[in-house]
Amino acid sequence: MDNQREPLEFSLIYVIANYGQGSKILSRAKHYGVTGGTILLGKGSVHSRLLDLLSLSEIRKEIVLMVAEKNVAKQALIGINSDFSLDKPNHGIAFSIPVVNFFGSHDFPDQSFKESRGVKKPMYNAIFVIVDKGKGEAAIDAAKEKGAKGGTIIHARGSGIHKSIKLFGMEIEPEKDIALILCENQLTEGIVTHIRAQLHIDQPGYGIIFTQNVEETYGLRKD
């Protein structure tokens, strides 16, 4: 008799909210069974001539990342959506992405490695564009030209074989922008193609793009 347990399925939850909300969201997520998470700092953009003149067009954001068992993640998203009124404008967005393998958590030991399964065609995709610092806005602008509603920029550092910076003989990792864009599945190819052309992504050292399927979404504008 085979007593081997069926491997658990996991999801990665993203919640993008206004600055200062991250810890509250993480606390509520734990109430729904999520065991922990990580908070990143980012920024969102609002295009307004007046706000641009006042240098207030950049809005600080917090991005909460949490991995949970798939059913727990689903319930946590429902709860967070209700607790933080994500259905109201400018209250944030939340979505989840399937995780193929998850290791290192004391709450889920002895997980076996598993192959990625085929999934049904998703309604939404998450597009990640990693470019040099200062070019994240251009990626989001290009995405908007092809139907995206907006995006969030996360600041990061990275290095590659094409670009390196030396200061007083020491190699410095260049700063990067990660533009995160959520869009309907049928828009993804056009958006990615346009960003590749506008930001010359196919040239060495200009950046990379990858996309992921999205399981659940909350707080997205439909207009």
Protein backbone atom coordinates (compact mmCIF):
# COMPACT_ATOMS: atom_id res chain seq x y z
CA MET A 1 0.00 0.00 0.00
CA ASP A 2 1.39 3.38 -0.98
CA ASN A 3 1.38 5.71 2.04
CA GLN A 4 3.10 8.55 0.22
CA ARG A 5 1.21 11.79 0.66
CA GLU A 6 0.02 13.78 -2.32
CA PRO A 7 2.32 16.81 -2.73
CA LEU A 8 0.72 20.05 -1.60
CA GLU A 9 0.03 22.81 -4.10
CA PHE A 10 1.16 26.33 -3.24
CA SER A 11 0.40 29.84 -4.44
CA LEU A 12 2.40 33.06 -4.23
CA ILE A 13 0.20 35.95 -3.11
CA TYR A 14 1.01 39.50 -4.20
CA VAL A 15 -0.74 42.41 -2.48
CA ILE A 16 0.15 45.89 -3.75
CA ALA A 17 -1.06 48.55 -1.33
CA ASN A 18 -0.33 52.08 -0.21
CA TYR A 19 2.71 52.73 1.97
CA GLY A 20 2.17 51.73 5.59
CA GLN A 21 -0.39 49.02 4.89
CA GLY A 22 2.02 46.13 4.41
CA SER A 23 2.36 45.07 8.05
CA LYS A 24 -1.41 45.27 8.57
CA ILE A 25 -2.01 43.10 5.51
CA LEU A 26 0.56 40.56 6.67
CA SER A 27 -1.05 40.45 10.12
CA ARG A 28 -4.50 39.81 8.65
CA ALA A 29 -3.10 37.18 6.29
CA LYS A 30 -1.74 35.27 9.29
CA HIS A 31 -5.27 35.34 10.70
CA TYR A 32 -6.36 33.37 7.62
CA GLY A 33 -3.59 30.80 7.95
CA VAL A 34 -0.65 32.32 6.05
CA THR A 35 2.49 31.71 8.09
CA GLY A 36 4.63 34.65 6.98
CA GLY A 37 5.68 36.94 4.19
CA THR A 38 8.00 39.64 2.90
CA ILE A 39 7.30 43.33 2.32
CA LEU A 40 8.98 45.19 -0.55
CA LEU A 41 8.95 48.91 -1.26
CA GLY A 42 7.86 50.22 -4.63
CA LYS A 43 6.05 53.04 -6.33
CA GLY A 44 3.02 53.47 -8.51
CA SER A 45 2.29 56.26 -10.95
CA VAL A 46 -0.66 58.57 -11.46
CA HIS A 47 -0.59 60.73 -14.58
CA SER A 48 -1.84 64.22 -13.78
CA ARG A 49 -0.41 67.49 -15.08
CA LEU A 50 -0.95 69.18 -11.71
CA LEU A 51 0.62 66.32 -9.77
CA ASP A 52 3.57 66.28 -12.17
CA LEU A 53 4.11 70.01 -11.58
CA LEU A 54 4.02 69.43 -7.83
CA SER A 55 6.32 66.39 -8.13
CA LEU A 56 3.62 64.28 -6.47
CA SER A 57 2.91 61.89 -9.32
CA GLU A 58 4.85 59.03 -7.72
CA ILE A 59 2.94 57.18 -5.01
CA ARG A 60 4.86 55.03 -2.55
CA LYS A 61 3.68 51.45 -2.45
CA GLU A 62 4.31 48.34 -0.41
CA ILE A 63 4.28 44.93 -2.08
CA VAL A 64 3.51 42.03 0.25
CA LEU A 65 4.69 38.59 -0.92
CA MET A 66 3.33 35.49 0.83
CA VAL A 67 3.54 31.80 -0.06
CA ALA A 68 0.74 29.58 1.22
CA GLU A 69 -0.96 26.29 0.49
CA LYS A 70 -3.32 26.89 -2.43
CA ASN A 71 -6.61 26.68 -0.51
CA VAL A 72 -5.24 28.83 2.32
CA ALA A 73 -4.06 31.41 -0.22
CA LYS A 74 -7.50 31.53 -1.80
CA GLN A 75 -9.22 32.15 1.53
CA ALA A 76 -6.59 34.72 2.52
CA LEU A 77 -7.19 36.65 -0.70
CA ILE A 78 -10.94 36.66 -0.10
CA GLY A 79 -10.39 37.89 3.46
CA ILE A 80 -7.85 40.56 2.52
CA ASN A 81 -10.11 41.79 -0.27
CA SER A 82 -12.93 42.24 2.26
CA ASP A 83 -10.82 43.62 5.13
CA PHE A 84 -9.05 46.25 3.01
CA SER A 85 -11.90 47.05 0.57
CA LEU A 86 -9.84 46.30 -2.52
CA ASP A 87 -12.98 46.63 -4.62
CA LYS A 88 -12.85 50.39 -3.98
CA PRO A 89 -10.62 52.61 -6.14
CA ASN A 90 -7.05 53.18 -4.92
CA HIS A 91 -7.30 50.65 -2.09
CA GLY A 92 -4.82 48.25 -3.66
CA ILE A 93 -4.80 45.09 -5.74
CA ALA A 94 -4.11 41.47 -4.90
CA PHE A 95 -3.45 38.41 -7.01
CA SER A 96 -1.90 34.97 -6.77
CA ILE A 97 0.49 33.00 -8.96
CA PRO A 98 0.93 29.22 -8.90
CA VAL A 99 4.14 27.96 -7.29
CA VAL A 100 5.65 24.76 -8.68
CA ASN A 101 8.00 24.02 -5.76
CA PHE A 102 8.38 25.48 -2.26
CA PHE A 103 11.21 24.58 0.13
CA GLY A 104 12.65 26.00 3.34
CA SER A 105 9.47 26.45 5.38
CA HIS A 106 9.33 24.70 8.76
CA ASP A 107 5.55 24.57 8.38
CA PHE A 108 5.78 22.40 5.25
CA PRO A 109 8.78 20.06 5.65
CA ASP A 110 9.65 17.12 3.42
CA GLN A 111 8.06 18.52 0.28
CA SER A 112 9.06 16.47 -2.76
CA PHE A 113 10.19 18.12 -5.98
CA LYS A 114 7.42 18.08 -8.59
CA GLU A 115 7.14 18.95 -12.24
CA SER A 116 5.02 21.83 -13.49
CA ARG A 117 1.54 20.77 -14.56
CA GLY A 118 -0.47 22.04 -17.46
CA VAL A 119 -2.98 24.68 -16.36
CA LYS A 120 -6.06 26.08 -17.96
CA LYS A 121 -5.67 29.32 -19.85
CA PRO A 122 -5.63 32.16 -17.31
CA MET A 123 -7.68 35.34 -17.53
CA TYR A 124 -4.72 37.49 -16.42
CA ASN A 125 -0.95 37.52 -16.69
CA ALA A 126 1.69 39.26 -14.62
CA ILE A 127 4.42 40.83 -16.75
CA PHE A 128 7.79 41.51 -15.10
CA VAL A 129 10.20 43.89 -16.86
CA ILE A 130 13.69 44.24 -15.34
CA VAL A 131 15.55 47.27 -16.70
CA ASP A 132 18.10 49.86 -15.59
CA LYS A 133 16.99 52.28 -12.91
CA GLY A 134 14.87 55.08 -14.34
CA LYS A 135 13.46 53.04 -17.22
CA GLY A 136 10.65 51.34 -15.34
CA GLU A 137 8.28 54.23 -16.09
CA ALA A 138 9.00 53.87 -19.81
CA ALA A 139 8.06 50.19 -19.60
CA ILE A 140 4.76 51.02 -17.90
CA ASP A 141 4.04 53.82 -20.37
CA ALA A 142 4.62 51.41 -23.26
CA ALA A 143 2.30 48.89 -21.61
CA LYS A 144 -0.43 51.51 -21.25
CA GLU A 145 -0.18 52.28 -24.95
CA LYS A 146 -1.27 48.68 -25.58
CA GLY A 147 -4.11 48.56 -23.06
CA ALA A 148 -2.59 48.04 -19.62
CA LYS A 149 -4.13 50.05 -16.77
CA GLY A 150 -0.85 50.83 -15.04
CA GLY A 151 1.89 49.16 -13.06
CA THR A 152 4.14 49.16 -10.02
CA ILE A 153 7.89 49.73 -9.93
CA ILE A 154 10.11 47.89 -7.47
CA HIS A 155 13.69 49.05 -6.96
CA ALA A 156 16.38 46.38 -6.99
CA ARG A 157 20.03 45.69 -7.73
CA GLY A 158 21.46 43.34 -10.31
CA SER A 159 24.54 42.52 -12.30
CA GLY A 160 25.23 40.73 -15.54
CA ILE A 161 27.96 40.05 -18.03
CA HIS A 162 27.08 43.06 -20.16
CA LYS A 163 27.32 45.87 -17.66
CA SER A 164 29.48 46.46 -14.62
CA ILE A 165 30.37 49.57 -12.70
CA LYS A 166 33.63 50.10 -10.85
CA LEU A 167 34.16 52.73 -8.18
CA PHE A 168 37.66 53.09 -6.73
CA GLY A 169 38.47 49.63 -8.08
CA MET A 170 35.42 47.97 -6.52
CA GLU A 171 32.66 46.49 -8.67
CA ILE A 172 29.26 47.95 -7.86
CA GLU A 173 25.98 46.21 -8.68
CA PRO A 174 23.91 48.56 -10.86
CA GLU A 175 20.49 49.61 -9.62
CA LYS A 176 17.46 48.23 -11.44
CA ASP A 177 13.76 48.89 -11.84
CA ILE A 178 11.36 45.96 -11.84
CA ALA A 179 8.12 46.99 -13.53
CA LEU A 180 5.21 44.74 -12.55
CA ILE A 181 2.23 44.97 -14.91
CA LEU A 182 -1.01 43.02 -14.52
CA CYS A 183 -3.09 42.63 -17.66
CA GLU A 184 -5.76 40.54 -19.33
CA ASN A 185 -4.40 37.48 -21.10
CA GLN A 186 -5.39 38.64 -24.58
CA LEU A 187 -3.35 41.85 -24.14
CA THR A 188 -0.16 40.18 -22.95
CA GLU A 189 1.51 39.43 -26.28
CA GLY A 190 0.89 42.93 -27.65
CA ILE A 191 2.17 44.58 -24.48
CA VAL A 192 5.30 42.44 -24.30
CA THR A 193 6.06 42.97 -28.00
CA HIS A 194 5.65 46.74 -27.65
CA ILE A 195 7.86 46.96 -24.55
CA ARG A 196 10.54 44.89 -26.30
CA ALA A 197 10.53 47.31 -29.22
CA GLN A 198 10.34 50.55 -27.23
CA LEU A 199 13.03 49.62 -24.69
CA HIS A 200 15.22 47.59 -27.11
CA ILE A 201 14.98 44.59 -24.79
CA ASP A 202 16.45 42.20 -27.36
CA GLN A 203 19.76 44.07 -27.35
CA PRO A 204 22.33 42.71 -24.86
CA GLY A 205 22.20 44.41 -21.47
CA TYR A 206 18.98 46.34 -22.04
CA GLY A 207 16.77 44.23 -19.81
CA ILE A 208 14.64 41.11 -19.60
CA ILE A 209 10.92 40.35 -19.62
CA PHE A 210 9.09 37.33 -18.27
CA THR A 211 5.42 36.59 -17.71
CA GLN A 212 3.52 34.43 -15.24
CA ASN A 213 -0.02 33.10 -15.16
CA VAL A 214 -2.31 34.57 -12.50
CA GLU A 215 -4.83 32.46 -10.56
CA GLU A 216 -6.97 34.92 -8.57
CA THR A 217 -7.28 38.72 -8.83
CA TYR A 218 -8.87 41.38 -6.64
CA GLY A 219 -9.00 45.16 -6.92
CA LEU A 220 -8.36 45.44 -10.66
CA ARG A 221 -10.05 48.26 -12.54
CA LYS A 222 -12.40 46.99 -15.22
CA ASP A 223 -12.89 50.27 -17.10
